[in-house]
Protein backbone atom coordinates (compact mmCIF):
# COMPACT_ATOMS: atom_id res chain seq x y z
CA UNK A 1 0.00 0.00 0.00
CA UNK A 2 1.24 3.47 -0.88
CA UNK A 3 1.78 5.97 1.81
CA UNK A 4 -0.95 8.22 0.42
CA UNK A 5 -4.14 6.51 -0.62
CA UNK A 6 -4.44 7.74 -4.22
CA UNK A 7 -7.83 7.43 -5.90
CA UNK A 8 -8.00 4.89 -8.74
CA UNK A 9 -9.30 6.40 -11.96
CA UNK A 10 -12.30 4.07 -12.14
CA UNK A 11 -13.58 5.31 -8.76
CA UNK A 12 -13.69 8.84 -10.19
CA UNK A 13 -15.12 7.83 -13.56
CA UNK A 14 -17.86 5.54 -12.18
CA UNK A 15 -20.14 8.23 -10.65
CA UNK A 16 -19.58 10.58 -13.60
CA UNK A 17 -20.61 7.90 -16.10
CA UNK A 18 -23.51 6.84 -13.88
CA UNK A 19 -24.93 10.37 -13.64
CA UNK A 20 -24.60 10.78 -17.42
CA UNK A 21 -26.32 7.42 -17.94
CA UNK A 22 -29.14 8.38 -15.57
CA UNK A 23 -29.97 11.58 -17.46
CA UNK A 24 -29.65 9.69 -20.75
CA UNK A 25 -32.33 7.25 -19.61
CA UNK A 26 -34.94 9.37 -21.36
CA UNK A 27 -33.64 7.99 -24.66
CA UNK A 28 -35.58 4.75 -23.93
CA UNK A 29 -33.12 2.40 -25.58
CA UNK A 30 -34.77 -0.69 -24.12
CA UNK A 31 -33.27 -3.76 -22.50
CA UNK A 32 -29.62 -3.06 -23.34
CA UNK A 33 -29.77 0.37 -21.75
CA UNK A 34 -31.40 -1.11 -18.66
CA UNK A 35 -28.55 -3.63 -18.40
CA UNK A 36 -26.07 -0.78 -18.80
CA UNK A 37 -27.75 1.08 -15.94
CA UNK A 38 -27.38 -2.03 -13.78
CA UNK A 39 -23.65 -2.15 -14.61
CA UNK A 40 -23.04 1.51 -13.74
CA UNK A 41 -25.13 1.06 -10.60
CA UNK A 42 -22.85 -1.75 -9.42
CA UNK A 43 -19.77 0.28 -10.36
CA UNK A 44 -21.09 3.24 -8.34
CA UNK A 45 -21.67 1.00 -5.32
CA UNK A 46 -18.09 -0.30 -5.49
CA UNK A 47 -16.75 3.23 -5.91
CA UNK A 48 -18.81 4.40 -2.91
CA UNK A 49 -17.26 1.69 -0.75
CA UNK A 50 -13.74 2.74 -1.80
CA UNK A 51 -14.37 6.44 -1.09
CA UNK A 52 -16.00 5.61 2.24
CA UNK A 53 -12.90 3.68 3.31
CA UNK A 54 -10.64 6.57 2.26
CA UNK A 55 -12.69 9.07 4.29
CA UNK A 56 -12.93 6.69 7.24
CA UNK A 57 -9.15 6.21 7.23
CA UNK A 58 -8.69 9.98 7.29
CA UNK A 59 -11.14 10.84 10.09
CA UNK A 60 -10.68 7.62 12.08
CA UNK A 61 -13.18 5.46 13.91
CA UNK A 62 -16.00 5.76 14.70
CA UNK A 63 -16.45 8.96 12.67
CA UNK A 64 -15.84 7.21 9.35
CA UNK A 65 -18.59 4.64 9.79
CA UNK A 66 -20.92 7.31 11.19
CA UNK A 67 -20.33 9.46 8.11
CA UNK A 68 -21.21 6.66 5.70
CA UNK A 69 -24.30 5.66 7.70
CA UNK A 70 -25.58 9.23 7.86
CA UNK A 71 -24.89 9.93 4.17
CA UNK A 72 -26.80 6.88 2.99
CA UNK A 73 -29.63 7.40 5.44
CA UNK A 74 -30.17 11.05 4.51
CA UNK A 75 -30.39 10.08 0.83
CA UNK A 76 -32.68 7.15 1.69
CA UNK A 77 -34.97 9.48 3.65
CA UNK A 78 -35.02 11.93 0.73
CA UNK A 79 -36.03 9.10 -1.61
CA UNK A 80 -38.84 7.92 0.69
CA UNK A 81 -40.20 11.43 1.21
CA UNK A 82 -40.13 12.22 -2.52
CA UNK A 83 -41.98 8.98 -3.35
CA UNK A 84 -44.57 9.73 -0.65
CA UNK A 85 -45.18 13.26 -1.92
CA UNK A 86 -45.62 12.10 -5.51
CA UNK A 87 -47.38 8.81 -4.82
CA UNK A 88 -50.26 10.11 -2.73
CA UNK A 89 -52.39 7.97 -0.38
CA UNK A 90 -51.12 4.71 -1.90
CA UNK A 91 -47.74 5.31 -0.26
CA UNK A 92 -48.94 5.65 3.35
CA UNK A 93 -47.14 2.42 4.32
CA UNK A 94 -44.01 3.09 2.24
CA UNK A 95 -41.90 4.39 5.14
CA UNK A 96 -42.89 1.47 7.38
CA UNK A 97 -42.17 -1.15 4.71
CA UNK A 98 -38.85 0.43 3.74
CA UNK A 99 -37.66 0.83 7.32
CA UNK A 100 -38.67 -2.74 8.21
CA UNK A 101 -36.87 -4.12 5.14
CA UNK A 102 -33.76 -2.05 5.88
CA UNK A 103 -33.65 -3.10 9.54
CA UNK A 104 -34.15 -6.80 8.74
CA UNK A 105 -31.49 -6.68 6.02
CA UNK A 106 -29.01 -4.98 8.36
CA UNK A 107 -29.66 -7.08 11.47
CA UNK A 108 -29.87 -10.49 9.81
CA UNK A 109 -28.23 -10.35 6.36
CA UNK A 110 -25.49 -7.74 6.77
CA UNK A 111 -24.40 -8.72 10.27
CA UNK A 112 -24.99 -12.41 9.53
CA UNK A 113 -22.66 -12.37 6.52
CA UNK A 114 -19.99 -10.47 8.46
CA UNK A 115 -20.11 -12.94 11.37
CA UNK A 116 -20.10 -15.92 9.01
CA UNK A 117 -17.14 -14.67 6.97
CA UNK A 118 -15.23 -13.66 10.09
CA UNK A 119 -15.96 -17.00 11.74
CA UNK A 120 -14.79 -18.97 8.71
CA UNK A 121 -11.56 -17.01 8.35
CA UNK A 122 -10.65 -16.23 11.98
CA UNK A 123 -12.82 -18.64 14.05
CA UNK A 124 -13.49 -15.93 16.65
CA UNK A 125 -13.52 -12.15 16.40
CA UNK A 126 -13.53 -9.71 19.29
CA UNK A 127 -15.33 -6.39 19.69
CA UNK A 128 -16.07 -3.95 22.49
CA UNK A 129 -19.28 -5.03 24.21
CA UNK A 130 -20.01 -1.56 25.62
CA UNK A 131 -20.43 0.04 22.18
CA UNK A 132 -22.62 -2.75 20.80
CA UNK A 133 -24.77 -2.72 23.96
CA UNK A 134 -25.29 1.03 23.66
CA UNK A 135 -26.41 0.68 20.04
CA UNK A 136 -28.74 -2.24 20.80
CA UNK A 137 -30.40 -0.45 23.73
CA UNK A 138 -31.24 2.56 21.57
CA UNK A 139 -32.22 0.44 18.55
CA UNK A 140 -34.57 -1.84 20.53
CA UNK A 141 -36.39 1.15 22.02
CA UNK A 142 -36.85 2.90 18.67
CA UNK A 143 -38.02 -0.29 16.92
CA UNK A 144 -40.70 -1.02 19.51
CA UNK A 145 -41.91 2.58 19.70
CA UNK A 146 -42.19 3.04 15.93
CA UNK A 147 -43.16 -0.35 14.48
CA UNK A 148 -44.94 -2.27 17.26
CA UNK A 149 -46.54 0.17 19.73
CA UNK A 150 -48.83 1.81 17.07
CA UNK A 151 -50.79 -1.47 16.93
CA UNK A 152 -51.78 -1.11 20.59
CA UNK A 153 -52.66 2.58 20.96
CA UNK A 154 -56.36 3.49 21.05
CA UNK A 155 -56.47 7.13 19.92
CA UNK A 156 -56.57 5.97 16.29
CA UNK A 157 -58.06 2.67 15.06
CA UNK A 158 -55.54 0.47 13.28
CA UNK A 159 -51.75 0.59 13.06
CA UNK A 160 -51.63 4.38 13.24
CA UNK A 161 -50.51 7.09 15.62
CA UNK A 162 -52.64 10.16 16.18
CA UNK A 163 -50.96 13.43 15.10
CA UNK A 164 -49.95 14.25 18.68
CA UNK A 165 -48.59 10.74 19.25
CA UNK A 166 -46.68 10.82 15.96
CA UNK A 167 -45.00 14.11 16.84
CA UNK A 168 -44.11 12.84 20.31
CA UNK A 169 -42.61 9.59 18.97
CA UNK A 170 -40.69 11.52 16.28
CA UNK A 171 -39.12 13.72 18.97
CA UNK A 172 -38.30 10.63 21.06
CA UNK A 173 -36.56 9.05 18.03
CA UNK A 174 -34.43 12.14 17.54
CA UNK A 175 -33.57 12.27 21.24
CA UNK A 176 -32.53 8.61 21.33
CA UNK A 177 -30.51 8.85 18.13
CA UNK A 178 -28.88 12.10 19.21
CA UNK A 179 -27.95 10.57 22.56
CA UNK A 180 -26.39 7.58 20.80
CA UNK A 181 -24.34 9.79 18.47
CA UNK A 182 -23.11 11.83 21.44
CA UNK A 183 -22.05 8.65 23.25
CA UNK A 184 -20.42 7.29 20.10
CA UNK A 185 -18.44 10.38 19.18
CA UNK A 186 -17.91 12.36 22.41
CA UNK A 187 -18.66 10.80 25.77
CA UNK A 188 -17.55 7.20 25.17
CA UNK A 189 -15.80 7.13 21.82
CA UNK A 190 -13.45 4.41 23.11
CA UNK A 191 -16.44 2.02 23.34
CA UNK A 192 -16.53 1.94 19.53
CA UNK A 193 -12.83 1.52 18.83
CA UNK A 194 -11.33 -1.90 18.00
CA UNK A 195 -10.11 -3.73 21.12
CA UNK A 196 -6.31 -3.61 21.13
CA UNK A 197 -4.31 -3.86 17.92
CA UNK A 198 -6.29 -5.43 15.09
CA UNK A 199 -3.09 -6.38 13.38
CA UNK A 200 -3.90 -5.24 9.88
CA UNK A 201 -1.67 -3.04 7.77
CA UNK A 202 -4.31 -0.38 7.19
CA UNK A 203 -4.28 0.51 10.87
CA UNK A 204 -0.69 1.71 10.47
CA UNK A 205 -0.89 3.11 6.94
CA UNK A 206 -0.41 6.84 6.56
CA UNK A 207 -3.81 8.57 6.27
CA UNK A 208 -4.72 10.15 2.91
CA UNK A 209 -4.11 13.84 2.43
CA UNK A 210 -6.84 16.35 3.25
CA UNK A 211 -7.26 17.07 -0.46
CA UNK A 212 -7.74 13.37 -1.25
CA UNK A 213 -10.17 12.95 1.64
CA UNK A 214 -12.25 15.96 0.54
CA UNK A 215 -12.35 14.68 -3.04
CA UNK A 216 -13.44 11.27 -1.78
CA UNK A 217 -16.17 12.89 0.33
CA UNK A 218 -17.60 14.67 -2.71
CA UNK A 219 -17.36 11.53 -4.85
CA UNK A 220 -18.93 9.47 -2.05
CA UNK A 221 -21.98 11.75 -1.99
CA UNK A 222 -22.20 11.61 -5.79
CA UNK A 223 -22.02 7.81 -5.70
CA UNK A 224 -24.67 7.48 -3.00
CA UNK A 225 -26.96 9.93 -4.76
CA UNK A 226 -26.82 8.12 -8.09
CA UNK A 227 -27.25 4.73 -6.41
CA UNK A 228 -30.58 5.89 -4.98
CA UNK A 229 -31.68 7.58 -8.22
CA UNK A 230 -30.79 4.56 -10.33
CA UNK A 231 -32.59 2.30 -7.86
CA UNK A 232 -35.67 4.49 -8.23
CA UNK A 233 -35.29 4.52 -12.02
CA UNK A 234 -34.96 0.74 -12.19
CA UNK A 235 -37.86 0.17 -9.75
CA UNK A 236 -40.48 -0.27 -12.53
CA UNK A 237 -38.30 -2.90 -14.24
CA UNK A 238 -37.76 -4.65 -10.90
CA UNK A 239 -41.50 -4.54 -10.21
CA UNK A 240 -42.31 -6.01 -13.63
CA UNK A 241 -39.80 -8.80 -13.05
CA UNK A 242 -41.31 -9.54 -9.62
CA UNK A 243 -44.84 -9.58 -11.04
CA UNK A 244 -43.77 -11.88 -13.87
CA UNK A 245 -42.59 -14.35 -11.22
CA UNK A 246 -45.97 -14.08 -9.42
CA UNK A 247 -44.21 -12.76 -6.31
CA UNK A 248 -45.80 -10.18 -3.96
CA UNK A 249 -45.14 -6.50 -4.67
CA UNK A 250 -43.68 -6.10 -1.18
CA UNK A 251 -40.60 -7.89 -2.51
CA UNK A 252 -39.86 -4.81 -4.62
CA UNK A 253 -39.28 -2.75 -1.47
CA UNK A 254 -36.87 -5.36 -0.15
CA UNK A 255 -34.89 -5.35 -3.40
CA UNK A 256 -34.66 -1.56 -3.53
CA UNK A 257 -33.68 -1.38 0.16
CA UNK A 258 -30.97 -3.96 -0.50
CA UNK A 259 -29.60 -1.91 -3.40
CA UNK A 260 -29.53 1.28 -1.30
CA UNK A 261 -27.78 -0.55 1.56
CA UNK A 262 -25.29 -2.30 -0.72
CA UNK A 263 -22.45 0.23 -0.18
CA UNK A 264 -22.71 -0.16 3.59
CA UNK A 265 -22.98 -3.94 3.27
CA UNK A 266 -19.86 -4.21 1.14
CA UNK A 267 -17.92 -1.91 3.46
CA UNK A 268 -18.94 -4.01 6.48
CA UNK A 269 -18.09 -7.25 4.64
CA UNK A 270 -14.62 -6.02 3.68
CA UNK A 271 -13.96 -4.93 7.26
CA UNK A 272 -14.96 -8.37 8.57
CA UNK A 273 -12.60 -10.06 6.11
CA UNK A 274 -9.78 -7.91 7.48
CA UNK A 275 -10.58 -8.96 11.06
CA UNK A 276 -12.14 -5.59 11.87
CA UNK A 277 -15.50 -6.82 13.15
CA UNK A 278 -15.80 -3.75 15.37
CA UNK A 279 -15.96 -1.58 12.25
CA UNK A 280 -18.54 -3.92 10.71
CA UNK A 281 -20.77 -3.74 13.77
CA UNK A 282 -20.36 0.03 14.11
CA UNK A 283 -21.44 0.43 10.50
CA UNK A 284 -24.34 -2.03 10.63
CA UNK A 285 -25.89 -1.00 13.96
CA UNK A 286 -25.24 2.68 13.30
CA UNK A 287 -26.96 2.37 9.93
CA UNK A 288 -29.99 0.66 11.46
CA UNK A 289 -30.27 3.40 14.08
CA UNK A 290 -29.87 6.19 11.55
CA UNK A 291 -32.31 4.58 9.13
CA UNK A 292 -35.21 4.41 11.57
CA UNK A 293 -34.20 7.28 13.86
CA UNK A 294 -34.15 9.81 11.00
CA UNK A 295 -36.83 8.35 8.71
CA UNK A 296 -39.68 8.44 11.22
CA UNK A 297 -39.20 12.15 12.13
CA UNK A 298 -39.00 13.02 8.42
CA UNK A 299 -42.18 11.06 7.71
CA UNK A 300 -43.88 12.74 10.67
CA UNK A 301 -43.11 16.15 9.15
CA UNK A 302 -44.56 15.04 5.79
CA UNK A 303 -47.66 13.80 7.58
CA UNK A 304 -48.13 17.10 9.40
CA UNK A 305 -47.65 19.19 6.24
CA UNK A 306 -49.78 17.11 3.88
CA UNK A 307 -52.35 15.74 6.30
CA UNK A 308 -51.55 12.22 5.11
CA UNK A 309 -52.14 9.38 7.59
CA UNK A 310 -48.97 7.34 7.96
CA UNK A 311 -49.17 3.60 8.57
CA UNK A 312 -46.47 2.53 11.04
CA UNK A 313 -47.55 -0.64 12.84
CA UNK A 314 -46.38 -3.94 11.35
CA UNK A 315 -48.44 -7.14 11.25
CA UNK A 316 -48.00 -10.06 13.65
CA UNK A 317 -45.82 -12.11 11.29
CA UNK A 318 -43.39 -9.22 10.81
CA UNK A 319 -43.46 -8.51 14.55
CA UNK A 320 -42.46 -12.09 15.40
CA UNK A 321 -39.58 -12.07 12.90
CA UNK A 322 -38.39 -8.62 13.99
CA UNK A 323 -38.38 -9.59 17.66
CA UNK A 324 -36.66 -12.88 16.83
CA UNK A 325 -33.95 -11.03 14.91
CA UNK A 326 -33.46 -8.52 17.73
CA UNK A 327 -33.38 -11.22 20.41
CA UNK A 328 -30.88 -13.29 18.39
CA UNK A 329 -28.64 -10.28 17.86
CA UNK A 330 -28.64 -9.52 21.60
CA UNK A 331 -27.72 -13.12 22.47
CA UNK A 332 -25.12 -13.41 19.69
CA UNK A 333 -23.31 -10.23 20.72
CA UNK A 334 -23.59 -10.72 24.48
CA UNK A 335 -20.04 -11.99 25.08
CA UNK A 336 -17.84 -9.67 23.05
CA UNK A 337 -16.85 -12.56 20.74
CA UNK A 338 -18.45 -13.87 17.57
CA UNK A 339 -18.27 -17.22 15.80
CA UNK A 340 -19.64 -18.92 12.72
CA UNK A 341 -22.82 -20.21 14.40
CA UNK A 342 -24.07 -16.68 15.10
CA UNK A 343 -23.73 -15.79 11.44
CA UNK A 344 -25.53 -18.95 10.29
CA UNK A 345 -28.49 -18.37 12.62
CA UNK A 346 -28.90 -14.74 11.54
CA UNK A 347 -28.77 -15.66 7.85
CA UNK A 348 -31.38 -18.38 8.40
CA UNK A 349 -33.70 -15.78 9.97
CA UNK A 350 -33.15 -13.56 6.92
CA UNK A 351 -34.01 -16.46 4.60
CA UNK A 352 -37.20 -17.07 6.59
CA UNK A 353 -38.04 -13.36 6.29
CA UNK A 354 -37.64 -13.50 2.50
CA UNK A 355 -39.49 -16.82 2.23
CA UNK A 356 -42.49 -15.54 4.18
CA UNK A 357 -42.69 -12.53 1.84
CA UNK A 358 -42.82 -14.77 -1.23
CA UNK A 359 -44.95 -17.44 0.47
CA UNK A 360 -46.90 -15.63 3.21
């Protein structure tokens, strides 16, 4: 590795080509152009991962993982809000379905793959229990308050909050997420740092220059923005493919959420392969917290402005799977060490989640 992390040319070209391809989509060139969009989408995801690692190496942990999580979540929230404003009453459950899909993908698929890969390569991996516990405490509270409690309130019939309740829960989400960020970055930053020396070369490599880091930050935002826009552009094609397979439309939301989360997933996977499971968990749990902690307040604002009733409560099947995933995560990460079994169990839960969408 060079002393200064220079940016490969393809990581600069990928977002530029992707943005040009997105605006050229109006040419309607058919199947081949759609396949080209898929290629540039994948290239943009890979470029986003590279730029995220450059920025993270410059600012250090846990600020690097926090930056990537916040960047993706802000763009994800913007996408959800724009779809709600243009889609009308038919999109009242969009935020709930997207948040649920994102959380299940992060908790079971993303973390499961990281634990499986780390277990295969290193048998056991260590992390700081205090940081993971702090994230899980905040995440469990937000999940229950936003996705489960609406089913049991009586001010509004159905899985809804009344306007006053929605505002109150939105404020609570911001308070909990803000408290977590303060703990992560100020009060107890050491809880989120790798325990001891992780032994990889990148820990001792010279950080990139400020100029390189700033360029990577700009390119990271460009990559994340085009990933979301291309995912939205390809959504009709994905929906048609899902319908042609006689699968439920809810699978479309899972696919789009997976595409949006792909940069974070790849970054977490690469960290796990380098025996940096602390970074993987910081990224995954931080992303889950940011996803739900920022989305619900944004949706609450849209609801107040437009008068739209927002569906938040999930059904019993989703509740059981969500609680199972959360309980399994708590047990798996209770000792400060991970192994292959934890990863297998989490991935099985994710497969069950997908299977019950296709075969409810």
